[in-house]
PDB file of N, CA and C in Angstrom:
ATOM      1  N   MET A   1     -13.853 -27.191  53.950  1.00  0.00           N
ATOM      2  CA  MET A   1     -15.157 -26.596  53.789  1.00  0.00           C
ATOM      3  C   MET A   1     -15.967 -27.500  52.850  1.00  0.00           C
ATOM      4  N   THR A   2     -17.161 -27.810  53.259  1.00  0.00           N
ATOM      5  CA  THR A   2     -17.998 -28.695  52.449  1.00  0.00           C
ATOM      6  C   THR A   2     -18.716 -27.890  51.375  1.00  0.00           C
ATOM      7  N   LEU A   3     -19.318 -28.612  50.478  1.00  0.00           N
ATOM      8  CA  LEU A   3     -20.036 -27.977  49.380  1.00  0.00           C
ATOM      9  C   LEU A   3     -21.233 -27.174  49.899  1.00  0.00           C
ATOM     10  N   ILE A   4     -21.907 -27.674  50.907  1.00  0.00           N
ATOM     11  CA  ILE A   4     -23.062 -26.975  51.481  1.00  0.00           C
ATOM     12  C   ILE A   4     -22.613 -25.677  52.148  1.00  0.00           C
ATOM     13  N   GLU A   5     -21.514 -25.698  52.873  1.00  0.00           N
ATOM     14  CA  GLU A   5     -21.006 -24.474  53.506  1.00  0.00           C
ATOM     15  C   GLU A   5     -20.633 -23.439  52.444  1.00  0.00           C
ATOM     16  N   LEU A   6     -20.018 -23.896  51.366  1.00  0.00           N
ATOM     17  CA  LEU A   6     -19.633 -23.005  50.275  1.00  0.00           C
ATOM     18  C   LEU A   6     -20.871 -22.380  49.636  1.00  0.00           C
ATOM     19  N   LEU A   7     -21.896 -23.185  49.410  1.00  0.00           N
ATOM     20  CA  LEU A   7     -23.139 -22.682  48.836  1.00  0.00           C
ATOM     21  C   LEU A   7     -23.796 -21.661  49.755  1.00  0.00           C
ATOM     22  N   ILE A   8     -23.816 -21.928  51.048  1.00  0.00           N
ATOM     23  CA  ILE A   8     -24.401 -20.993  52.016  1.00  0.00           C
ATOM     24  C   ILE A   8     -23.623 -19.682  52.021  1.00  0.00           C
ATOM     25  N   THR A   9     -22.304 -19.765  51.950  1.00  0.00           N
ATOM     26  CA  THR A   9     -21.467 -18.560  51.916  1.00  0.00           C
ATOM     27  C   THR A   9     -21.768 -17.737  50.666  1.00  0.00           C
ATOM     28  N   ILE A  10     -21.900 -18.398  49.528  1.00  0.00           N
ATOM     29  CA  ILE A  10     -22.200 -17.694  48.276  1.00  0.00           C
ATOM     30  C   ILE A  10     -23.573 -17.033  48.341  1.00  0.00           C
ATOM     31  N   VAL A  11     -24.557 -17.735  48.895  1.00  0.00           N
ATOM     32  CA  VAL A  11     -25.906 -17.175  49.015  1.00  0.00           C
ATOM     33  C   VAL A  11     -25.897 -15.954  49.928  1.00  0.00           C
ATOM     34  N   ILE A  12     -25.168 -16.018  51.025  1.00  0.00           N
ATOM     35  CA  ILE A  12     -25.087 -14.875  51.949  1.00  0.00           C
ATOM     36  C   ILE A  12     -24.420 -13.685  51.267  1.00  0.00           C
ATOM     37  N   LEU A  13     -23.320 -13.931  50.559  1.00  0.00           N
ATOM     38  CA  LEU A  13     -22.641 -12.845  49.847  1.00  0.00           C
ATOM     39  C   LEU A  13     -23.539 -12.244  48.765  1.00  0.00           C
ATOM     40  N   LEU A  14     -24.286 -13.080  48.067  1.00  0.00           N
ATOM     41  CA  LEU A  14     -25.204 -12.599  47.048  1.00  0.00           C
ATOM     42  C   LEU A  14     -26.307 -11.743  47.670  1.00  0.00           C
ATOM     43  N   ALA A  15     -26.837 -12.192  48.800  1.00  0.00           N
ATOM     44  CA  ALA A  15     -27.883 -11.425  49.486  1.00  0.00           C
ATOM     45  C   ALA A  15     -27.351 -10.067  49.941  1.00  0.00           C
ATOM     46  N   LEU A  16     -26.130 -10.034  50.470  1.00  0.00           N
ATOM     47  CA  LEU A  16     -25.530  -8.761  50.885  1.00  0.00           C
ATOM     48  C   LEU A  16     -25.320  -7.833  49.689  1.00  0.00           C
ATOM     49  N   THR A  17     -24.860  -8.396  48.588  1.00  0.00           N
ATOM     50  CA  THR A  17     -24.640  -7.599  47.378  1.00  0.00           C
ATOM     51  C   THR A  17     -25.949  -7.011  46.873  1.00  0.00           C
ATOM     52  N   LEU A  18     -26.999  -7.816  46.840  1.00  0.00           N
ATOM     53  CA  LEU A  18     -28.295  -7.332  46.372  1.00  0.00           C
ATOM     54  C   LEU A  18     -28.887  -6.291  47.315  1.00  0.00           C
ATOM     55  N   THR A  19     -28.526  -6.347  48.576  1.00  0.00           N
ATOM     56  CA  THR A  19     -29.006  -5.361  49.540  1.00  0.00           C
ATOM     57  C   THR A  19     -28.267  -4.036  49.385  1.00  0.00           C
ATOM     58  N   ILE A  20     -26.989  -4.103  49.106  1.00  0.00           N
ATOM     59  CA  ILE A  20     -26.159  -2.897  49.028  1.00  0.00           C
ATOM     60  C   ILE A  20     -26.280  -2.201  47.669  1.00  0.00           C
ATOM     61  N   ALA A  21     -26.527  -2.937  46.584  1.00  0.00           N
ATOM     62  CA  ALA A  21     -26.539  -2.376  45.227  1.00  0.00           C
ATOM     63  C   ALA A  21     -27.496  -1.189  45.066  1.00  0.00           C
ATOM     64  N   PRO A  22     -28.756  -1.265  45.531  1.00  0.00           N
ATOM     65  CA  PRO A  22     -29.639  -0.102  45.372  1.00  0.00           C
ATOM     66  C   PRO A  22     -29.135   1.134  46.130  1.00  0.00           C
ATOM     67  N   ALA A  23     -28.526   0.918  47.274  1.00  0.00           N
ATOM     68  CA  ALA A  23     -27.994   2.047  48.045  1.00  0.00           C
ATOM     69  C   ALA A  23     -26.863   2.727  47.283  1.00  0.00           C
ATOM     70  N   LEU A  24     -26.027   1.939  46.610  1.00  0.00           N
ATOM     71  CA  LEU A  24     -24.943   2.523  45.821  1.00  0.00           C
ATOM     72  C   LEU A  24     -25.494   3.317  44.644  1.00  0.00           C
ATOM     73  N   GLY A  25     -26.546   2.811  44.010  1.00  0.00           N
ATOM     74  CA  GLY A  25     -27.187   3.545  42.917  1.00  0.00           C
ATOM     75  C   GLY A  25     -27.783   4.852  43.394  1.00  0.00           C
ATOM     76  N   HIS A  26     -28.384   4.830  44.573  1.00  0.00           N
ATOM     77  CA  HIS A  26     -28.955   6.049  45.155  1.00  0.00           C
ATOM     78  C   HIS A  26     -27.853   7.058  45.460  1.00  0.00           C
ATOM     79  N   MET A  27     -26.720   6.578  45.962  1.00  0.00           N
ATOM     80  CA  MET A  27     -25.606   7.480  46.261  1.00  0.00           C
ATOM     81  C   MET A  27     -25.084   8.128  44.982  1.00  0.00           C
ATOM     82  N   ARG A  28     -25.040   7.379  43.885  1.00  0.00           N
ATOM     83  CA  ARG A  28     -24.583   7.940  42.612  1.00  0.00           C
ATOM     84  C   ARG A  28     -25.550   9.036  42.153  1.00  0.00           C
ATOM     85  N   GLY A  29     -26.848   8.784  42.311  1.00  0.00           N
ATOM     86  CA  GLY A  29     -27.849   9.793  41.951  1.00  0.00           C
ATOM     87  C   GLY A  29     -27.704  11.053  42.782  1.00  0.00           C
ATOM     88  N   GLU A  30     -27.471  10.895  44.065  1.00  0.00           N
ATOM     89  CA  GLU A  30     -27.263  12.052  44.944  1.00  0.00           C
ATOM     90  C   GLU A  30     -26.016  12.821  44.543  1.00  0.00           C
ATOM     91  N   SER A  31     -24.977  12.102  44.155  1.00  0.00           N
ATOM     92  CA  SER A  31     -23.743  12.750  43.717  1.00  0.00           C
ATOM     93  C   SER A  31     -23.993  13.582  42.458  1.00  0.00           C
ATOM     94  N   ASN A  32     -24.767  13.030  41.517  1.00  0.00           N
ATOM     95  CA  ASN A  32     -25.108  13.783  40.305  1.00  0.00           C
ATOM     96  C   ASN A  32     -25.941  15.014  40.639  1.00  0.00           C
ATOM     97  N   ASN A  33     -26.855  14.890  41.600  1.00  0.00           N
ATOM     98  CA  ASN A  33     -27.655  16.042  42.018  1.00  0.00           C
ATOM     99  C   ASN A  33     -26.769  17.130  42.607  1.00  0.00           C
ATOM    100  N   ASP A  34     -25.811  16.737  43.429  1.00  0.00           N
ATOM    101  CA  ASP A  34     -24.900  17.716  44.026  1.00  0.00           C
ATOM    102  C   ASP A  34     -24.078  18.422  42.955  1.00  0.00           C
ATOM    103  N   LEU A  35     -23.636  17.675  41.958  1.00  0.00           N
ATOM    104  CA  LEU A  35     -22.868  18.269  40.863  1.00  0.00           C
ATOM    105  C   LEU A  35     -23.731  19.250  40.076  1.00  0.00           C
ATOM    106  N   SER A  36     -24.982  18.887  39.822  1.00  0.00           N
ATOM    107  CA  SER A  36     -25.886  19.787  39.104  1.00  0.00           C
ATOM    108  C   SER A  36     -26.134  21.064  39.901  1.00  0.00           C
ATOM    109  N   LYS A  37     -26.307  20.926  41.200  1.00  0.00           N
ATOM    110  CA  LYS A  37     -26.505  22.112  42.047  1.00  0.00           C
ATOM    111  C   LYS A  37     -25.287  23.019  42.005  1.00  0.00           C
ATOM    112  N   ALA A  38     -24.105  22.430  42.054  1.00  0.00           N
ATOM    113  CA  ALA A  38     -22.873  23.224  42.006  1.00  0.00           C
ATOM    114  C   ALA A  38     -22.747  23.937  40.658  1.00  0.00           C
ATOM    115  N   ASN A  39     -23.095  23.248  39.574  1.00  0.00           N
ATOM    116  CA  ASN A  39     -23.033  23.871  38.250  1.00  0.00           C
ATOM    117  C   ASN A  39     -24.025  25.023  38.131  1.00  0.00           C
ATOM    118  N   LEU A  40     -25.231  24.837  38.662  1.00  0.00           N
ATOM    119  CA  LEU A  40     -26.220  25.914  38.624  1.00  0.00           C
ATOM    120  C   LEU A  40     -25.772  27.109  39.455  1.00  0.00           C
ATOM    121  N   MET A  41     -25.137  26.844  40.596  1.00  0.00           N
ATOM    122  CA  MET A  41     -24.638  27.935  41.428  1.00  0.00           C
ATOM    123  C   MET A  41     -23.552  28.707  40.681  1.00  0.00           C
ATOM    124  N   GLN A  42     -22.666  27.984  40.023  1.00  0.00           N
ATOM    125  CA  GLN A  42     -21.598  28.641  39.270  1.00  0.00           C
ATOM    126  C   GLN A  42     -22.170  29.461  38.115  1.00  0.00           C
ATOM    127  N   LEU A  43     -23.197  28.947  37.460  1.00  0.00           N
ATOM    128  CA  LEU A  43     -23.837  29.690  36.378  1.00  0.00           C
ATOM    129  C   LEU A  43     -24.466  30.978  36.910  1.00  0.00           C
ATOM    130  N   GLY A  44     -25.117  30.899  38.063  1.00  0.00           N
ATOM    131  CA  GLY A  44     -25.702  32.097  38.671  1.00  0.00           C
ATOM    132  C   GLY A  44     -24.646  33.112  39.061  1.00  0.00           C
ATOM    133  N   GLN A  45     -23.547  32.643  39.614  1.00  0.00           N
ATOM    134  CA  GLN A  45     -22.465  33.559  39.979  1.00  0.00           C
ATOM    135  C   GLN A  45     -21.849  34.199  38.742  1.00  0.00           C
ATOM    136  N   SER A  46     -21.741  33.435  37.671  1.00  0.00           N
ATOM    137  CA  SER A  46     -21.209  33.983  36.420  1.00  0.00           C
ATOM    138  C   SER A  46     -22.150  35.044  35.864  1.00  0.00           C
ATOM    139  N   ARG A  47     -23.451  34.781  35.937  1.00  0.00           N
ATOM    140  CA  ARG A  47     -24.437  35.768  35.491  1.00  0.00           C
ATOM    141  C   ARG A  47     -24.310  37.050  36.290  1.00  0.00           C
ATOM    142  N   ASP A  48     -24.168  36.919  37.605  1.00  0.00           N
ATOM    143  CA  ASP A  48     -24.031  38.097  38.466  1.00  0.00           C
ATOM    144  C   ASP A  48     -22.767  38.877  38.139  1.00  0.00           C
ATOM    145  N   GLN A  49     -21.671  38.176  37.891  1.00  0.00           N
ATOM    146  CA  GLN A  49     -20.422  38.857  37.542  1.00  0.00           C
ATOM    147  C   GLN A  49     -20.557  39.562  36.198  1.00  0.00           C
ATOM    148  N   TYR A  50     -21.238  38.919  35.252  1.00  0.00           N
ATOM    149  CA  TYR A  50     -21.473  39.549  33.950  1.00  0.00           C
ATOM    150  C   TYR A  50     -22.272  40.835  34.141  1.00  0.00           C
ATOM    151  N   ALA A  51     -23.298  40.791  34.988  1.00  0.00           N
ATOM    152  CA  ALA A  51     -24.117  41.982  35.245  1.00  0.00           C
ATOM    153  C   ALA A  51     -23.279  43.093  35.866  1.00  0.00           C
ATOM    154  N   LEU A  52     -22.394  42.744  36.787  1.00  0.00           N
ATOM    155  CA  LEU A  52     -21.531  43.761  37.397  1.00  0.00           C
ATOM    156  C   LEU A  52     -20.635  44.429  36.357  1.00  0.00           C
ATOM    157  N   ASP A  53     -20.166  43.654  35.411  1.00  0.00           N
ATOM    158  CA  ASP A  53     -19.265  44.176  34.386  1.00  0.00           C
ATOM    159  C   ASP A  53     -19.990  44.904  33.260  1.00  0.00           C
ATOM    160  N   ASN A  54     -21.322  44.774  33.175  1.00  0.00           N
ATOM    161  CA  ASN A  54     -22.073  45.314  32.036  1.00  0.00           C
ATOM    162  C   ASN A  54     -23.293  46.124  32.470  1.00  0.00           C
ATOM    163  N   ALA A  55     -23.072  47.095  33.344  1.00  0.00           N
ATOM    164  CA  ALA A  55     -24.116  48.050  33.761  1.00  0.00           C
ATOM    165  C   ALA A  55     -25.394  47.356  34.230  1.00  0.00           C
ATOM    166  N   ASP A  56     -25.245  46.322  35.036  1.00  0.00           N
ATOM    167  CA  ASP A  56     -26.367  45.575  35.618  1.00  0.00           C
ATOM    168  C   ASP A  56     -27.284  44.919  34.584  1.00  0.00           C
ATOM    169  N   ARG A  57     -26.775  44.662  33.399  1.00  0.00           N
ATOM    170  CA  ARG A  57     -27.552  43.926  32.395  1.00  0.00           C
ATOM    171  C   ARG A  57     -27.110  42.471  32.434  1.00  0.00           C
ATOM    172  N   ILE A  58     -28.061  41.566  32.244  1.00  0.00           N
ATOM    173  CA  ILE A  58     -27.710  40.152  32.172  1.00  0.00           C
ATOM    174  C   ILE A  58     -27.937  39.660  30.751  1.00  0.00           C
ATOM    175  N   PHE A  59     -27.213  38.615  30.397  1.00  0.00           N
ATOM    176  CA  PHE A  59     -27.346  38.068  29.051  1.00  0.00           C
ATOM    177  C   PHE A  59     -28.668  37.323  28.914  1.00  0.00           C
ATOM    178  N   ALA A  60     -29.217  37.362  27.727  1.00  0.00           N
ATOM    179  CA  ALA A  60     -30.433  36.617  27.410  1.00  0.00           C
ATOM    180  C   ALA A  60     -30.395  36.273  25.924  1.00  0.00           C
ATOM    181  N   TYR A  61     -30.907  35.135  25.583  1.00  0.00           N
ATOM    182  CA  TYR A  61     -30.926  34.718  24.186  1.00  0.00           C
ATOM    183  C   TYR A  61     -32.270  35.097  23.575  1.00  0.00           C
ATOM    184  N   SER A  62     -32.263  36.127  22.746  1.00  0.00           N
ATOM    185  CA  SER A  62     -33.499  36.612  22.143  1.00  0.00           C
ATOM    186  C   SER A  62     -33.457  36.579  20.619  1.00  0.00           C
ATOM    187  N   TRP A  63     -32.337  36.230  20.034  1.00  0.00           N
ATOM    188  CA  TRP A  63     -32.233  36.193  18.578  1.00  0.00           C
ATOM    189  C   TRP A  63     -33.019  35.004  18.035  1.00  0.00           C
ATOM    190  N   ARG A  64     -33.630  35.184  16.880  1.00  0.00           N
ATOM    191  CA  ARG A  64     -34.452  34.146  16.262  1.00  0.00           C
ATOM    192  C   ARG A  64     -34.014  33.902  14.822  1.00  0.00           C
ATOM    193  N   ALA A  65     -34.366  32.767  14.311  1.00  0.00           N
ATOM    194  CA  ALA A  65     -34.054  32.418  12.920  1.00  0.00           C
ATOM    195  C   ALA A  65     -34.838  33.321  11.974  1.00  0.00           C
ATOM    196  N   GLY A  66     -34.253  33.566  10.800  1.00  0.00           N
ATOM    197  CA  GLY A  66     -34.951  34.347   9.787  1.00  0.00           C
ATOM    198  C   GLY A  66     -34.747  35.847   9.894  1.00  0.00           C
ATOM    199  N   GLU A  67     -33.967  36.309  10.840  1.00  0.00           N
ATOM    200  CA  GLU A  67     -33.679  37.734  10.994  1.00  0.00           C
ATOM    201  C   GLU A  67     -32.178  37.945  10.846  1.00  0.00           C
ATOM    202  N   SER A  68     -31.791  39.154  10.463  1.00  0.00           N
ATOM    203  CA  SER A  68     -30.371  39.488  10.321  1.00  0.00           C
ATOM    204  C   SER A  68     -29.888  40.200  11.575  1.00  0.00           C
ATOM    205  N   TYR A  69     -28.674  39.857  11.994  1.00  0.00           N
ATOM    206  CA  TYR A  69     -28.080  40.470  13.181  1.00  0.00           C
ATOM    207  C   TYR A  69     -26.657  40.886  12.863  1.00  0.00           C
ATOM    208  N   LYS A  70     -26.254  42.014  13.411  1.00  0.00           N
ATOM    209  CA  LYS A  70     -24.912  42.537  13.168  1.00  0.00           C
ATOM    210  C   LYS A  70     -24.074  42.373  14.430  1.00  0.00           C
ATOM    211  N   LEU A  71     -22.913  41.731  14.283  1.00  0.00           N
ATOM    212  CA  LEU A  71     -21.986  41.550  15.398  1.00  0.00           C
ATOM    213  C   LEU A  71     -21.164  42.822  15.593  1.00  0.00           C
ATOM    214  N   PRO A  72     -20.548  43.003  16.761  1.00  0.00           N
ATOM    215  CA  PRO A  72     -19.710  44.184  16.999  1.00  0.00           C
ATOM    216  C   PRO A  72     -18.557  44.318  16.004  1.00  0.00           C
ATOM    217  N   THR A  73     -18.166  43.212  15.383  1.00  0.00           N
ATOM    218  CA  THR A  73     -17.075  43.255  14.404  1.00  0.00           C
ATOM    219  C   THR A  73     -17.548  43.739  13.041  1.00  0.00           C
ATOM    220  N   GLY A  74     -18.860  43.924  12.891  1.00  0.00           N
ATOM    221  CA  GLY A  74     -19.417  44.364  11.618  1.00  0.00           C
ATOM    222  C   GLY A  74     -19.967  43.230  10.779  1.00  0.00           C
ATOM    223  N   GLN A  75     -19.698  41.993  11.176  1.00  0.00           N
ATOM    224  CA  GLN A  75     -20.220  40.842  10.433  1.00  0.00           C
ATOM    225  C   GLN A  75     -21.734  40.759  10.600  1.00  0.00           C
ATOM    226  N   VAL A  76     -22.418  40.421   9.525  1.00  0.00           N
ATOM    227  CA  VAL A  76     -23.866  40.229   9.575  1.00  0.00           C
ATOM    228  C   VAL A  76     -24.138  38.731   9.602  1.00  0.00           C
ATOM    229  N   ARG A  77     -24.982  38.318  10.517  1.00  0.00           N
ATOM    230  CA  ARG A  77     -25.331  36.898  10.654  1.00  0.00           C
ATOM    231  C   ARG A  77     -26.804  36.707  10.313  1.00  0.00           C
ATOM    232  N   ASN A  78     -27.093  35.677   9.540  1.00  0.00           N
ATOM    233  CA  ASN A  78     -28.461  35.315   9.163  1.00  0.00           C
ATOM    234  C   ASN A  78     -28.706  33.868   9.577  1.00  0.00           C
ATOM    235  N   PRO A  79     -29.121  33.629  10.802  1.00  0.00           N
ATOM    236  CA  PRO A  79     -29.289  32.248  11.278  1.00  0.00           C
ATOM    237  C   PRO A  79     -30.447  31.539  10.581  1.00  0.00           C
ATOM    238  N   ASN A  80     -30.251  30.248  10.331  1.00  0.00           N
ATOM    239  CA  ASN A  80     -31.285  29.421   9.703  1.00  0.00           C
ATOM    240  C   ASN A  80     -32.160  28.704  10.723  1.00  0.00           C
ATOM    241  N   SER A  81     -31.706  28.634  11.966  1.00  0.00           N
ATOM    242  CA  SER A  81     -32.485  27.975  13.019  1.00  0.00           C
ATOM    243  C   SER A  81     -32.317  28.767  14.314  1.00  0.00           C
ATOM    244  N   ASP A  82     -33.225  28.545  15.250  1.00  0.00           N
ATOM    245  CA  ASP A  82     -33.113  29.228  16.541  1.00  0.00           C
ATOM    246  C   ASP A  82     -31.842  28.812  17.270  1.00  0.00           C
ATOM    247  N   GLN A  83     -31.436  27.556  17.098  1.00  0.00           N
ATOM    248  CA  GLN A  83     -30.205  27.090  17.742  1.00  0.00           C
ATOM    249  C   GLN A  83     -28.998  27.825  17.164  1.00  0.00           C
ATOM    250  N   GLU A  84     -28.973  27.994  15.863  1.00  0.00           N
ATOM    251  CA  GLU A  84     -27.883  28.734  15.236  1.00  0.00           C
ATOM    252  C   GLU A  84     -27.929  30.205  15.665  1.00  0.00           C
ATOM    253  N   ALA A  85     -29.141  30.764  15.800  1.00  0.00           N
ATOM    254  CA  ALA A  85     -29.281  32.150  16.257  1.00  0.00           C
ATOM    255  C   ALA A  85     -28.713  32.308  17.663  1.00  0.00           C
ATOM    256  N   ALA A  86     -28.987  31.338  18.543  1.00  0.00           N
ATOM    257  CA  ALA A  86     -28.446  31.397  19.904  1.00  0.00           C
ATOM    258  C   ALA A  86     -26.928  31.313  19.883  1.00  0.00           C
ATOM    259  N   ALA A  87     -26.370  30.490  18.995  1.00  0.00           N
ATOM    260  CA  ALA A  87     -24.909  30.381  18.897  1.00  0.00           C
ATOM    261  C   ALA A  87     -24.302  31.700  18.429  1.00  0.00           C
ATOM    262  N   PHE A  88     -24.929  32.344  17.441  1.00  0.00           N
ATOM    263  CA  PHE A  88     -24.433  33.641  16.971  1.00  0.00           C
ATOM    264  C   PHE A  88     -24.552  34.698  18.069  1.00  0.00           C
ATOM    265  N   GLN A  89     -25.674  34.671  18.795  1.00  0.00           N
ATOM    266  CA  GLN A  89     -25.843  35.653  19.867  1.00  0.00           C
ATOM    267  C   GLN A  89     -24.828  35.408  20.975  1.00  0.00           C
ATOM    268  N   ASN A  90     -24.500  34.165  21.221  1.00  0.00           N
ATOM    269  CA  ASN A  90     -23.476  33.848  22.208  1.00  0.00           C
ATOM    270  C   ASN A  90     -22.150  34.483  21.809  1.00  0.00           C
ATOM    271  N   GLN A  91     -21.813  34.425  20.524  1.00  0.00           N
ATOM    272  CA  GLN A  91     -20.593  35.081  20.039  1.00  0.00           C
ATOM    273  C   GLN A  91     -20.663  36.584  20.296  1.00  0.00           C
ATOM    274  N   GLU A  92     -21.828  37.172  20.038  1.00  0.00           N
ATOM    275  CA  GLU A  92     -21.994  38.616  20.220  1.00  0.00           C
ATOM    276  C   GLU A  92     -21.844  38.996  21.690  1.00  0.00           C
ATOM    277  N   ILE A  93     -22.391  38.181  22.574  1.00  0.00           N
ATOM    278  CA  ILE A  93     -22.310  38.464  24.012  1.00  0.00           C
ATOM    279  C   ILE A  93     -20.865  38.396  24.487  1.00  0.00           C
ATOM    280  N   LEU A  94     -20.118  37.424  23.984  1.00  0.00           N
ATOM    281  CA  LEU A  94     -18.755  37.209  24.462  1.00  0.00           C
ATOM    282  C   LEU A  94     -17.731  38.147  23.835  1.00  0.00           C
ATOM    283  N   MET A  95     -18.127  38.928  22.840  1.00  0.00           N
ATOM    284  CA  MET A  95     -17.174  39.854  22.196  1.00  0.00           C
ATOM    285  C   MET A  95     -17.002  41.105  23.011  1.00  0.00           C
TER     286      MET A  95
END
Protein backbone atom coordinates (compact mmCIF):
# COMPACT_ATOMS: atom_id res chain seq x y z
CA MET A 1 0.00 0.00 0.00
CA THR A 2 1.44 3.35 -0.98
CA LEU A 3 1.48 6.46 1.13
CA ILE A 4 -1.22 8.09 -1.02
CA GLU A 5 -3.54 5.08 -0.63
CA LEU A 6 -2.98 5.15 3.13
CA LEU A 7 -3.77 8.87 3.26
CA ILE A 8 -6.95 8.38 1.21
CA THR A 9 -8.03 5.56 3.53
CA ILE A 10 -7.46 7.75 6.60
CA VAL A 11 -9.39 10.65 5.05
CA ILE A 12 -12.32 8.35 4.21
CA LEU A 13 -12.38 6.90 7.73
CA LEU A 14 -12.22 10.41 9.21
CA ALA A 15 -15.10 11.56 7.00
CA LEU A 16 -17.20 8.55 8.07
CA THR A 17 -16.42 9.21 11.73
CA LEU A 18 -17.38 12.87 11.44
CA THR A 19 -20.62 11.87 9.73
CA ILE A 20 -21.59 9.30 12.36
CA ALA A 21 -20.54 11.29 15.50
CA PRO A 22 -23.52 13.72 15.53
CA ALA A 23 -25.95 10.83 15.08
CA LEU A 24 -24.44 9.07 18.10
CA GLY A 25 -24.79 12.25 20.17
CA HIS A 26 -28.43 12.54 19.11
CA MET A 27 -29.04 8.92 20.10
CA ARG A 28 -27.56 9.60 23.56
CA GLY A 29 -29.89 12.59 23.95
CA GLU A 30 -32.89 10.48 22.96
CA SER A 31 -31.84 7.83 25.46
CA ASN A 32 -31.71 10.46 28.23
CA ASN A 33 -35.16 11.70 27.20
CA ASP A 34 -36.55 8.17 27.41
CA LEU A 35 -35.03 7.73 30.86
CA SER A 36 -36.54 11.03 32.02
CA LYS A 37 -39.95 10.00 30.71
CA ALA A 38 -39.72 6.68 32.53
CA ASN A 39 -38.73 8.43 35.77
CA LEU A 40 -41.64 10.87 35.47
CA MET A 41 -44.03 7.99 34.84
CA GLN A 42 -42.75 6.18 37.92
CA LEU A 43 -43.13 9.35 39.99
CA GLY A 44 -46.74 9.71 38.81
CA GLN A 45 -47.50 6.10 39.62
CA SER A 46 -45.95 6.53 43.06
CA ARG A 47 -48.10 9.62 43.64
CA ASP A 48 -51.20 7.67 42.64
CA GLN A 49 -50.31 4.80 44.97
CA TYR A 50 -49.71 7.26 47.80
CA ALA A 51 -53.16 8.76 47.16
CA LEU A 52 -54.76 5.31 47.25
CA ASP A 53 -53.11 4.60 50.59
CA ASN A 54 -53.98 8.02 52.10
CA ALA A 55 -57.68 8.76 51.47
CA ASP A 56 -57.08 10.20 47.98
CA ARG A 57 -54.70 12.87 49.26
CA ILE A 58 -51.45 13.53 47.43
CA PHE A 59 -48.25 14.83 48.93
CA ALA A 60 -47.31 18.47 48.44
CA TYR A 61 -44.49 20.56 49.83
CA SER A 62 -46.05 23.55 51.56
CA TRP A 63 -43.78 24.07 54.57
CA ARG A 64 -41.77 27.30 54.59
CA ALA A 65 -38.76 28.63 56.46
CA GLY A 66 -39.36 30.62 59.63
CA GLU A 67 -42.34 28.58 60.86
CA SER A 68 -42.49 25.76 63.40
CA TYR A 69 -43.80 22.34 62.42
CA LYS A 70 -44.54 19.31 64.56
CA LEU A 71 -43.71 15.82 63.27
CA PRO A 72 -45.90 12.79 64.14
CA THR A 73 -43.18 11.72 66.58
CA GLY A 74 -43.68 14.93 68.56
CA GLN A 75 -40.45 16.55 67.40
CA VAL A 76 -40.73 20.24 66.54
CA ARG A 77 -38.83 21.42 63.48
CA ASN A 78 -37.85 25.04 62.78
CA PRO A 79 -36.41 25.16 59.25
CA ASN A 80 -33.98 27.95 58.36
CA SER A 81 -34.54 27.68 54.60
CA ASP A 82 -37.29 26.52 52.27
CA GLN A 83 -35.06 23.64 51.19
CA GLU A 84 -34.66 22.52 54.79
CA ALA A 85 -38.43 22.93 55.29
CA ALA A 86 -39.07 20.64 52.30
CA ALA A 87 -36.65 18.06 53.75
CA PHE A 88 -38.45 18.15 57.11
CA GLN A 89 -41.83 17.88 55.41
CA ASN A 90 -40.54 14.93 53.42
CA GLN A 91 -39.75 13.21 56.73
CA GLU A 92 -43.27 13.98 57.95
CA ILE A 93 -44.85 12.58 54.78
CA LEU A 94 -42.84 9.36 54.96
CA MET A 95 -43.62 8.69 58.65
